[in-house]
PDB file of N, CA and C in Angstrom:
ATOM      1  N   MET A   1     -99.689 -92.914 104.405  1.00  0.00           N
ATOM      2  CA  MET A   1     -98.775 -92.646 103.309  1.00  0.00           C
ATOM      3  C   MET A   1     -98.416 -91.172 103.205  1.00  0.00           C
ATOM      4  N   VAL A   2     -99.226 -90.288 103.722  1.00  0.00           N
ATOM      5  CA  VAL A   2     -98.958 -88.855 103.611  1.00  0.00           C
ATOM      6  C   VAL A   2     -97.800 -88.449 104.522  1.00  0.00           C
ATOM      7  N   LEU A   3     -97.592 -89.122 105.637  1.00  0.00           N
ATOM      8  CA  LEU A   3     -96.549 -88.731 106.579  1.00  0.00           C
ATOM      9  C   LEU A   3     -95.156 -88.680 105.946  1.00  0.00           C
ATOM     10  N   PRO A   4     -94.706 -89.698 105.207  1.00  0.00           N
ATOM     11  CA  PRO A   4     -93.389 -89.586 104.557  1.00  0.00           C
ATOM     12  C   PRO A   4     -93.322 -88.437 103.549  1.00  0.00           C
ATOM     13  N   LEU A   5     -94.418 -88.192 102.821  1.00  0.00           N
ATOM     14  CA  LEU A   5     -94.439 -87.071 101.877  1.00  0.00           C
ATOM     15  C   LEU A   5     -94.357 -85.742 102.610  1.00  0.00           C
ATOM     16  N   LYS A   6     -95.068 -85.626 103.722  1.00  0.00           N
ATOM     17  CA  LYS A   6     -95.033 -84.397 104.505  1.00  0.00           C
ATOM     18  C   LYS A   6     -93.621 -84.150 105.032  1.00  0.00           C
ATOM     19  N   LYS A   7     -92.942 -85.200 105.475  1.00  0.00           N
ATOM     20  CA  LYS A   7     -91.568 -85.049 105.948  1.00  0.00           C
ATOM     21  C   LYS A   7     -90.651 -84.573 104.815  1.00  0.00           C
ATOM     22  N   ALA A   8     -90.850 -85.120 103.627  1.00  0.00           N
ATOM     23  CA  ALA A   8     -90.041 -84.721 102.472  1.00  0.00           C
ATOM     24  C   ALA A   8     -90.307 -83.261 102.095  1.00  0.00           C
ATOM     25  N   VAL A   9     -91.576 -82.862 102.096  1.00  0.00           N
ATOM     26  CA  VAL A   9     -91.937 -81.479 101.774  1.00  0.00           C
ATOM     27  C   VAL A   9     -91.347 -80.534 102.819  1.00  0.00           C
ATOM     28  N   ASP A  10     -91.485 -80.883 104.102  1.00  0.00           N
ATOM     29  CA  ASP A  10     -90.935 -80.040 105.160  1.00  0.00           C
ATOM     30  C   ASP A  10     -89.422 -79.907 105.028  1.00  0.00           C
ATOM     31  N   SER A  11     -88.744 -81.004 104.696  1.00  0.00           N
ATOM     32  CA  SER A  11     -87.298 -80.972 104.519  1.00  0.00           C
ATOM     33  C   SER A  11     -86.910 -80.048 103.359  1.00  0.00           C
ATOM     34  N   LEU A  12     -87.629 -80.154 102.250  1.00  0.00           N
ATOM     35  CA  LEU A  12     -87.366 -79.295 101.094  1.00  0.00           C
ATOM     36  C   LEU A  12     -87.526 -77.822 101.453  1.00  0.00           C
ATOM     37  N   PHE A  13     -88.635 -77.473 102.103  1.00  0.00           N
ATOM     38  CA  PHE A  13     -88.884 -76.074 102.447  1.00  0.00           C
ATOM     39  C   PHE A  13     -87.877 -75.572 103.485  1.00  0.00           C
ATOM     40  N   ASN A  14     -87.504 -76.421 104.455  1.00  0.00           N
ATOM     41  CA  ASN A  14     -86.535 -76.006 105.471  1.00  0.00           C
ATOM     42  C   ASN A  14     -85.153 -75.768 104.875  1.00  0.00           C
ATOM     43  N   ARG A  15     -84.793 -76.529 103.847  1.00  0.00           N
ATOM     44  CA  ARG A  15     -83.466 -76.383 103.232  1.00  0.00           C
ATOM     45  C   ARG A  15     -83.430 -75.294 102.172  1.00  0.00           C
ATOM     46  N   CYS A  16     -84.486 -75.177 101.374  1.00  0.00           N
ATOM     47  CA  CYS A  16     -84.455 -74.288 100.207  1.00  0.00           C
ATOM     48  C   CYS A  16     -85.414 -73.111 100.298  1.00  0.00           C
ATOM     49  N   GLY A  17     -86.250 -73.078 101.306  1.00  0.00           N
ATOM     50  CA  GLY A  17     -87.288 -72.061 101.387  1.00  0.00           C
ATOM     51  C   GLY A  17     -86.766 -70.690 101.768  1.00  0.00           C
ATOM     52  N   THR A  18     -87.536 -69.692 101.406  1.00  0.00           N
ATOM     53  CA  THR A  18     -87.290 -68.305 101.782  1.00  0.00           C
ATOM     54  C   THR A  18     -88.283 -67.941 102.871  1.00  0.00           C
ATOM     55  N   THR A  19     -87.822 -67.204 103.860  1.00  0.00           N
ATOM     56  CA  THR A  19     -88.691 -66.814 104.974  1.00  0.00           C
ATOM     57  C   THR A  19     -89.462 -65.553 104.614  1.00  0.00           C
ATOM     58  N   GLY A  20     -90.751 -65.565 104.920  1.00  0.00           N
ATOM     59  CA  GLY A  20     -91.600 -64.405 104.718  1.00  0.00           C
ATOM     60  C   GLY A  20     -92.609 -64.295 105.843  1.00  0.00           C
ATOM     61  N   ILE A  21     -93.347 -63.207 105.841  1.00  0.00           N
ATOM     62  CA  ILE A  21     -94.390 -62.981 106.847  1.00  0.00           C
ATOM     63  C   ILE A  21     -95.738 -63.017 106.148  1.00  0.00           C
ATOM     64  N   TYR A  22     -96.618 -63.901 106.630  1.00  0.00           N
ATOM     65  CA  TYR A  22     -97.985 -64.022 106.109  1.00  0.00           C
ATOM     66  C   TYR A  22     -98.933 -63.926 107.284  1.00  0.00           C
ATOM     67  N   GLN A  23     -99.792 -62.942 107.267  1.00  0.00           N
ATOM     68  CA  GLN A  23    -100.781 -62.704 108.322  1.00  0.00           C
ATOM     69  C   GLN A  23    -100.141 -62.711 109.708  1.00  0.00           C
ATOM     70  N   GLY A  24     -98.990 -62.027 109.837  1.00  0.00           N
ATOM     71  CA  GLY A  24     -98.343 -61.856 111.126  1.00  0.00           C
ATOM     72  C   GLY A  24     -97.507 -63.024 111.612  1.00  0.00           C
ATOM     73  N   ARG A  25     -97.375 -64.071 110.809  1.00  0.00           N
ATOM     74  CA  ARG A  25     -96.538 -65.197 111.242  1.00  0.00           C
ATOM     75  C   ARG A  25     -95.530 -65.554 110.152  1.00  0.00           C
ATOM     76  N   GLU A  26     -94.437 -66.171 110.594  1.00  0.00           N
ATOM     77  CA  GLU A  26     -93.366 -66.553 109.685  1.00  0.00           C
ATOM     78  C   GLU A  26     -93.746 -67.796 108.890  1.00  0.00           C
ATOM     79  N   VAL A  27     -93.493 -67.743 107.572  1.00  0.00           N
ATOM     80  CA  VAL A  27     -93.768 -68.875 106.684  1.00  0.00           C
ATOM     81  C   VAL A  27     -92.551 -69.096 105.791  1.00  0.00           C
ATOM     82  N   LEU A  28     -92.472 -70.288 105.216  1.00  0.00           N
ATOM     83  CA  LEU A  28     -91.436 -70.598 104.235  1.00  0.00           C
ATOM     84  C   LEU A  28     -92.084 -70.787 102.876  1.00  0.00           C
ATOM     85  N   PHE A  29     -91.439 -70.276 101.826  1.00  0.00           N
ATOM     86  CA  PHE A  29     -91.976 -70.438 100.483  1.00  0.00           C
ATOM     87  C   PHE A  29     -90.844 -70.644  99.497  1.00  0.00           C
ATOM     88  N   LEU A  30     -91.183 -71.200  98.349  1.00  0.00           N
ATOM     89  CA  LEU A  30     -90.255 -71.367  97.233  1.00  0.00           C
ATOM     90  C   LEU A  30     -90.745 -70.474  96.109  1.00  0.00           C
ATOM     91  N   LEU A  31     -89.844 -69.701  95.534  1.00  0.00           N
ATOM     92  CA  LEU A  31     -90.210 -68.766  94.472  1.00  0.00           C
ATOM     93  C   LEU A  31     -89.477 -69.154  93.202  1.00  0.00           C
ATOM     94  N   THR A  32     -90.218 -69.296  92.120  1.00  0.00           N
ATOM     95  CA  THR A  32     -89.622 -69.530  90.813  1.00  0.00           C
ATOM     96  C   THR A  32     -90.066 -68.412  89.895  1.00  0.00           C
ATOM     97  N   GLU A  33     -89.244 -68.127  88.916  1.00  0.00           N
ATOM     98  CA  GLU A  33     -89.549 -67.040  87.988  1.00  0.00           C
ATOM     99  C   GLU A  33     -89.350 -67.500  86.555  1.00  0.00           C
ATOM    100  N   PRO A  34     -90.166 -68.442  86.109  1.00  0.00           N
ATOM    101  CA  PRO A  34     -90.016 -68.920  84.732  1.00  0.00           C
ATOM    102  C   PRO A  34     -90.512 -67.887  83.724  1.00  0.00           C
ATOM    103  N   ASP A  35     -89.878 -67.857  82.575  1.00  0.00           N
ATOM    104  CA  ASP A  35     -90.358 -67.014  81.481  1.00  0.00           C
ATOM    105  C   ASP A  35     -91.479 -67.744  80.762  1.00  0.00           C
ATOM    106  N   GLU A  36     -92.458 -67.005  80.313  1.00  0.00           N
ATOM    107  CA  GLU A  36     -93.568 -67.577  79.554  1.00  0.00           C
ATOM    108  C   GLU A  36     -93.706 -66.843  78.233  1.00  0.00           C
ATOM    109  N   VAL A  37     -94.136 -67.574  77.234  1.00  0.00           N
ATOM    110  CA  VAL A  37     -94.471 -66.968  75.949  1.00  0.00           C
ATOM    111  C   VAL A  37     -95.981 -67.074  75.810  1.00  0.00           C
ATOM    112  N   VAL A  38     -96.628 -65.921  75.736  1.00  0.00           N
ATOM    113  CA  VAL A  38     -98.081 -65.851  75.694  1.00  0.00           C
ATOM    114  C   VAL A  38     -98.512 -65.352  74.327  1.00  0.00           C
ATOM    115  N   GLY A  39     -99.449 -66.048  73.704  1.00  0.00           N
ATOM    116  CA  GLY A  39     -99.959 -65.622  72.414  1.00  0.00           C
ATOM    117  C   GLY A  39    -101.019 -64.548  72.569  1.00  0.00           C
ATOM    118  N   VAL A  40    -100.810 -63.428  71.882  1.00  0.00           N
ATOM    119  CA  VAL A  40    -101.771 -62.327  71.879  1.00  0.00           C
ATOM    120  C   VAL A  40    -102.071 -62.023  70.415  1.00  0.00           C
ATOM    121  N   GLY A  41    -103.200 -62.516  69.936  1.00  0.00           N
ATOM    122  CA  GLY A  41    -103.516 -62.348  68.528  1.00  0.00           C
ATOM    123  C   GLY A  41    -102.504 -63.095  67.678  1.00  0.00           C
ATOM    124  N   PHE A  42    -101.856 -62.365  66.759  1.00  0.00           N
ATOM    125  CA  PHE A  42    -100.837 -62.966  65.897  1.00  0.00           C
ATOM    126  C   PHE A  42     -99.422 -62.788  66.458  1.00  0.00           C
ATOM    127  N   VAL A  43     -99.318 -62.244  67.663  1.00  0.00           N
ATOM    128  CA  VAL A  43     -98.012 -61.926  68.248  1.00  0.00           C
ATOM    129  C   VAL A  43     -97.782 -62.775  69.492  1.00  0.00           C
ATOM    130  N   ASN A  44     -96.563 -63.250  69.661  1.00  0.00           N
ATOM    131  CA  ASN A  44     -96.177 -63.926  70.894  1.00  0.00           C
ATOM    132  C   ASN A  44     -95.446 -62.932  71.782  1.00  0.00           C
ATOM    133  N   ALA A  45     -95.918 -62.783  73.001  1.00  0.00           N
ATOM    134  CA  ALA A  45     -95.299 -61.867  73.956  1.00  0.00           C
ATOM    135  C   ALA A  45     -94.502 -62.671  74.975  1.00  0.00           C
ATOM    136  N   HIS A  46     -93.291 -62.235  75.231  1.00  0.00           N
ATOM    137  CA  HIS A  46     -92.414 -62.885  76.191  1.00  0.00           C
ATOM    138  C   HIS A  46     -92.555 -62.150  77.526  1.00  0.00           C
ATOM    139  N   THR A  47     -92.993 -62.865  78.556  1.00  0.00           N
ATOM    140  CA  THR A  47     -93.196 -62.227  79.857  1.00  0.00           C
ATOM    141  C   THR A  47     -92.483 -63.016  80.942  1.00  0.00           C
ATOM    142  N   ASP A  48     -92.046 -62.291  81.964  1.00  0.00           N
ATOM    143  CA  ASP A  48     -91.504 -62.987  83.126  1.00  0.00           C
ATOM    144  C   ASP A  48     -92.621 -63.109  84.157  1.00  0.00           C
ATOM    145  N   THR A  49     -92.632 -64.214  84.861  1.00  0.00           N
ATOM    146  CA  THR A  49     -93.681 -64.474  85.840  1.00  0.00           C
ATOM    147  C   THR A  49     -93.048 -64.789  87.182  1.00  0.00           C
ATOM    148  N   HIS A  50     -93.844 -64.723  88.207  1.00  0.00           N
ATOM    149  CA  HIS A  50     -93.413 -65.089  89.551  1.00  0.00           C
ATOM    150  C   HIS A  50     -94.396 -66.132  90.071  1.00  0.00           C
ATOM    151  N   GLN A  51     -93.899 -67.328  90.321  1.00  0.00           N
ATOM    152  CA  GLN A  51     -94.743 -68.390  90.857  1.00  0.00           C
ATOM    153  C   GLN A  51     -94.214 -68.779  92.222  1.00  0.00           C
ATOM    154  N   MET A  52     -95.117 -68.971  93.155  1.00  0.00           N
ATOM    155  CA  MET A  52     -94.750 -69.284  94.520  1.00  0.00           C
ATOM    156  C   MET A  52     -95.361 -70.609  94.925  1.00  0.00           C
ATOM    157  N   ARG A  53     -94.589 -71.375  95.693  1.00  0.00           N
ATOM    158  CA  ARG A  53     -95.075 -72.584  96.338  1.00  0.00           C
ATOM    159  C   ARG A  53     -94.982 -72.327  97.835  1.00  0.00           C
ATOM    160  N   ILE A  54     -96.062 -72.592  98.546  1.00  0.00           N
ATOM    161  CA  ILE A  54     -96.096 -72.377  99.988  1.00  0.00           C
ATOM    162  C   ILE A  54     -96.839 -73.538 100.629  1.00  0.00           C
ATOM    163  N   ARG A  55     -96.373 -73.983 101.777  1.00  0.00           N
ATOM    164  CA  ARG A  55     -97.007 -75.122 102.431  1.00  0.00           C
ATOM    165  C   ARG A  55     -98.413 -74.765 102.894  1.00  0.00           C
ATOM    166  N   VAL A  56     -99.342 -75.666 102.699  1.00  0.00           N
ATOM    167  CA  VAL A  56    -100.718 -75.467 103.140  1.00  0.00           C
ATOM    168  C   VAL A  56    -100.753 -75.303 104.656  1.00  0.00           C
ATOM    169  N   SER A  57     -99.883 -76.016 105.359  1.00  0.00           N
ATOM    170  CA  SER A  57     -99.852 -75.909 106.824  1.00  0.00           C
ATOM    171  C   SER A  57     -99.420 -74.519 107.287  1.00  0.00           C
ATOM    172  N   ASP A  58     -98.633 -73.801 106.484  1.00  0.00           N
ATOM    173  CA  ASP A  58     -98.219 -72.440 106.829  1.00  0.00           C
ATOM    174  C   ASP A  58     -99.293 -71.408 106.512  1.00  0.00           C
ATOM    175  N   ALA A  59    -100.078 -71.657 105.474  1.00  0.00           N
ATOM    176  CA  ALA A  59    -101.084 -70.689 105.024  1.00  0.00           C
ATOM    177  C   ALA A  59    -102.359 -71.428 104.623  1.00  0.00           C
ATOM    178  N   PRO A  60    -103.102 -71.969 105.591  1.00  0.00           N
ATOM    179  CA  PRO A  60    -104.273 -72.794 105.247  1.00  0.00           C
ATOM    180  C   PRO A  60    -105.387 -72.023 104.539  1.00  0.00           C
ATOM    181  N   ASP A  61    -105.451 -70.707 104.748  1.00  0.00           N
ATOM    182  CA  ASP A  61    -106.532 -69.905 104.165  1.00  0.00           C
ATOM    183  C   ASP A  61    -106.038 -68.971 103.069  1.00  0.00           C
ATOM    184  N   LEU A  62    -104.969 -69.327 102.380  1.00  0.00           N
ATOM    185  CA  LEU A  62    -104.392 -68.478 101.338  1.00  0.00           C
ATOM    186  C   LEU A  62    -105.445 -68.147 100.280  1.00  0.00           C
ATOM    187  N   ALA A  63    -105.504 -66.876  99.892  1.00  0.00           N
ATOM    188  CA  ALA A  63    -106.521 -66.435  98.935  1.00  0.00           C
ATOM    189  C   ALA A  63    -105.960 -65.313  98.065  1.00  0.00           C
ATOM    190  N   VAL A  64    -106.633 -65.061  96.959  1.00  0.00           N
ATOM    191  CA  VAL A  64    -106.257 -63.970  96.065  1.00  0.00           C
ATOM    192  C   VAL A  64    -106.268 -62.666  96.857  1.00  0.00           C
ATOM    193  N   GLY A  65    -105.214 -61.863  96.663  1.00  0.00           N
ATOM    194  CA  GLY A  65    -105.109 -60.581  97.358  1.00  0.00           C
ATOM    195  C   GLY A  65    -104.263 -60.633  98.620  1.00  0.00           C
ATOM    196  N   ASP A  66    -104.018 -61.825  99.170  1.00  0.00           N
ATOM    197  CA  ASP A  66    -103.166 -61.952 100.352  1.00  0.00           C
ATOM    198  C   ASP A  66    -101.739 -61.558 100.002  1.00  0.00           C
ATOM    199  N   THR A  67    -100.967 -61.154 101.002  1.00  0.00           N
ATOM    200  CA  THR A  67     -99.583 -60.756 100.769  1.00  0.00           C
ATOM    201  C   THR A  67     -98.621 -61.574 101.621  1.00  0.00           C
ATOM    202  N   ILE A  68     -97.439 -61.789 101.066  1.00  0.00           N
ATOM    203  CA  ILE A  68     -96.328 -62.408 101.773  1.00  0.00           C
ATOM    204  C   ILE A  68     -95.185 -61.415 101.695  1.00  0.00           C
ATOM    205  N   GLN A  69     -94.712 -60.966 102.853  1.00  0.00           N
ATOM    206  CA  GLN A  69     -93.704 -59.905 102.930  1.00  0.00           C
ATOM    207  C   GLN A  69     -92.343 -60.496 103.279  1.00  0.00           C
ATOM    208  N   THR A  70     -91.305 -60.111 102.516  1.00  0.00           N
ATOM    209  CA  THR A  70     -89.923 -60.425 102.873  1.00  0.00           C
ATOM    210  C   THR A  70     -89.232 -59.109 103.196  1.00  0.00           C
ATOM    211  N   ASP A  71     -87.952 -59.173 103.544  1.00  0.00           N
ATOM    212  CA  ASP A  71     -87.215 -57.942 103.837  1.00  0.00           C
ATOM    213  C   ASP A  71     -87.141 -57.029 102.626  1.00  0.00           C
ATOM    214  N   GLU A  72     -87.039 -57.632 101.426  1.00  0.00           N
ATOM    215  CA  GLU A  72     -86.855 -56.836 100.208  1.00  0.00           C
ATOM    216  C   GLU A  72     -88.139 -56.576  99.429  1.00  0.00           C
ATOM    217  N   THR A  73     -89.086 -57.512  99.466  1.00  0.00           N
ATOM    218  CA  THR A  73     -90.227 -57.466  98.553  1.00  0.00           C
ATOM    219  C   THR A  73     -91.516 -57.870  99.247  1.00  0.00           C
ATOM    220  N   CYS A  74     -92.605 -57.340  98.723  1.00  0.00           N
ATOM    221  CA  CYS A  74     -93.931 -57.771  99.149  1.00  0.00           C
ATOM    222  C   CYS A  74     -94.591 -58.445  97.945  1.00  0.00           C
ATOM    223  N   TYR A  75     -94.981 -59.711  98.105  1.00  0.00           N
ATOM    224  CA  TYR A  75     -95.628 -60.468  97.037  1.00  0.00           C
ATOM    225  C   TYR A  75     -97.124 -60.525  97.310  1.00  0.00           C
ATOM    226  N   ARG A  76     -97.921 -60.217  96.274  1.00  0.00           N
ATOM    227  CA  ARG A  76     -99.379 -60.289  96.395  1.00  0.00           C
ATOM    228  C   ARG A  76     -99.878 -61.450  95.549  1.00  0.00           C
ATOM    229  N   VAL A  77    -100.717 -62.294  96.154  1.00  0.00           N
ATOM    230  CA  VAL A  77    -101.277 -63.450  95.445  1.00  0.00           C
ATOM    231  C   VAL A  77    -102.182 -62.942  94.335  1.00  0.00           C
ATOM    232  N   HIS A  78    -101.870 -63.362  93.111  1.00  0.00           N
ATOM    233  CA  HIS A  78    -102.562 -62.846  91.929  1.00  0.00           C
ATOM    234  C   HIS A  78    -103.583 -63.830  91.366  1.00  0.00           C
ATOM    235  N   THR A  79    -103.347 -65.129  91.531  1.00  0.00           N
ATOM    236  CA  THR A  79    -104.265 -66.142  91.002  1.00  0.00           C
ATOM    237  C   THR A  79    -104.803 -67.004  92.139  1.00  0.00           C
ATOM    238  N   GLU A  80    -105.869 -67.687  91.844  1.00  0.00           N
ATOM    239  CA  GLU A  80    -106.477 -68.573  92.840  1.00  0.00           C
ATOM    240  C   GLU A  80    -105.480 -69.666  93.232  1.00  0.00           C
ATOM    241  N   PRO A  81    -105.212 -69.835  94.534  1.00  0.00           N
ATOM    242  CA  PRO A  81    -104.285 -70.882  94.969  1.00  0.00           C
ATOM    243  C   PRO A  81    -104.807 -72.279  94.614  1.00  0.00           C
ATOM    244  N   VAL A  82    -103.893 -73.136  94.173  1.00  0.00           N
ATOM    245  CA  VAL A  82    -104.236 -74.505  93.785  1.00  0.00           C
ATOM    246  C   VAL A  82    -103.375 -75.457  94.614  1.00  0.00           C
ATOM    247  N   LYS A  83    -104.025 -76.447  95.244  1.00  0.00           N
ATOM    248  CA  LYS A  83    -103.299 -77.437  96.044  1.00  0.00           C
ATOM    249  C   LYS A  83    -102.768 -78.549  95.152  1.00  0.00           C
ATOM    250  N   ASP A  84    -101.646 -79.142  95.585  1.00  0.00           N
ATOM    251  CA  ASP A  84    -101.129 -80.314  94.888  1.00  0.00           C
ATOM    252  C   ASP A  84    -102.019 -81.518  95.202  1.00  0.00           C
ATOM    253  N   THR A  85    -101.726 -82.657  94.600  1.00  0.00           N
ATOM    254  CA  THR A  85    -102.592 -83.828  94.754  1.00  0.00           C
ATOM    255  C   THR A  85    -102.621 -84.364  96.180  1.00  0.00           C
ATOM    256  N   HIS A  86    -101.610 -84.045  96.981  1.00  0.00           N
ATOM    257  CA  HIS A  86    -101.568 -84.538  98.362  1.00  0.00           C
ATOM    258  C   HIS A  86    -102.013 -83.482  99.371  1.00  0.00           C
ATOM    259  N   HIS A  87    -102.441 -82.317  98.884  1.00  0.00           N
ATOM    260  CA  HIS A  87    -102.928 -81.219  99.719  1.00  0.00           C
ATOM    261  C   HIS A  87    -101.880 -80.726 100.715  1.00  0.00           C
ATOM    262  N   LEU A  88    -100.621 -80.687 100.270  1.00  0.00           N
ATOM    263  CA  LEU A  88     -99.537 -80.224 101.125  1.00  0.00           C
ATOM    264  C   LEU A  88     -98.967 -78.880 100.687  1.00  0.00           C
ATOM    265  N   ILE A  89     -99.085 -78.552  99.392  1.00  0.00           N
ATOM    266  CA  ILE A  89     -98.452 -77.348  98.849  1.00  0.00           C
ATOM    267  C   ILE A  89     -99.440 -76.556  98.001  1.00  0.00           C
ATOM    268  N   TRP A  90     -99.489 -75.238  98.248  1.00  0.00           N
ATOM    269  CA  TRP A  90    -100.220 -74.320  97.377  1.00  0.00           C
ATOM    270  C   TRP A  90     -99.303 -73.894  96.241  1.00  0.00           C
ATOM    271  N   SER A  91     -99.844 -73.715  95.051  1.00  0.00           N
ATOM    272  CA  SER A  91     -99.145 -73.098  93.920  1.00  0.00           C
ATOM    273  C   SER A  91     -99.950 -71.868  93.512  1.00  0.00           C
ATOM    274  N   VAL A  92     -99.265 -70.734  93.431  1.00  0.00           N
ATOM    275  CA  VAL A  92     -99.940 -69.488  93.059  1.00  0.00           C
ATOM    276  C   VAL A  92     -99.013 -68.624  92.212  1.00  0.00           C
ATOM    277  N   ASP A  93     -99.597 -67.772  91.402  1.00  0.00           N
ATOM    278  CA  ASP A  93     -98.849 -66.723  90.722  1.00  0.00           C
ATOM    279  C   ASP A  93     -98.911 -65.502  91.624  1.00  0.00           C
ATOM    280  N   VAL A  94     -97.779 -64.809  91.744  1.00  0.00           N
ATOM    281  CA  VAL A  94     -97.717 -63.627  92.603  1.00  0.00           C
ATOM    282  C   VAL A  94     -97.189 -62.443  91.832  1.00  0.00           C
ATOM    283  N   LEU A  95     -97.538 -61.259  92.299  1.00  0.00           N
ATOM    284  CA  LEU A  95     -97.028 -60.006  91.746  1.00  0.00           C
ATOM    285  C   LEU A  95     -96.173 -59.334  92.808  1.00  0.00           C
ATOM    286  N   CYS A  96     -95.089 -58.710  92.384  1.00  0.00           N
ATOM    287  CA  CYS A  96     -94.251 -57.937  93.313  1.00  0.00           C
ATOM    288  C   CYS A  96     -94.875 -56.571  93.505  1.00  0.00           C
ATOM    289  N   SER A  97     -94.984 -56.174  94.746  1.00  0.00           N
ATOM    290  CA  SER A  97     -95.553 -54.851  95.040  1.00  0.00           C
ATOM    291  C   SER A  97     -94.452 -53.856  95.345  1.00  0.00           C
TER     292      SER A  97
END
């Protein structure tokens, strides 16, 4: 059952992904930048975030502190990578360097 899902994930990344360099090899990733409202005491702070989705097959050992470099930006993994339920995609928060 994973094979059709893997084909769908690969198709999505091939069509919509951005190319970057991770540990000397080319990878594809999806970057979203949703706004978040975070409660700090009695105040709500509005922050912009950077969330990245990257295929596990492209970065099997992804860890906090790793970087993904594009022509314009270098993204550093800020949170512990979390796999989806099918173990095909990592989800991480990243910081622009």
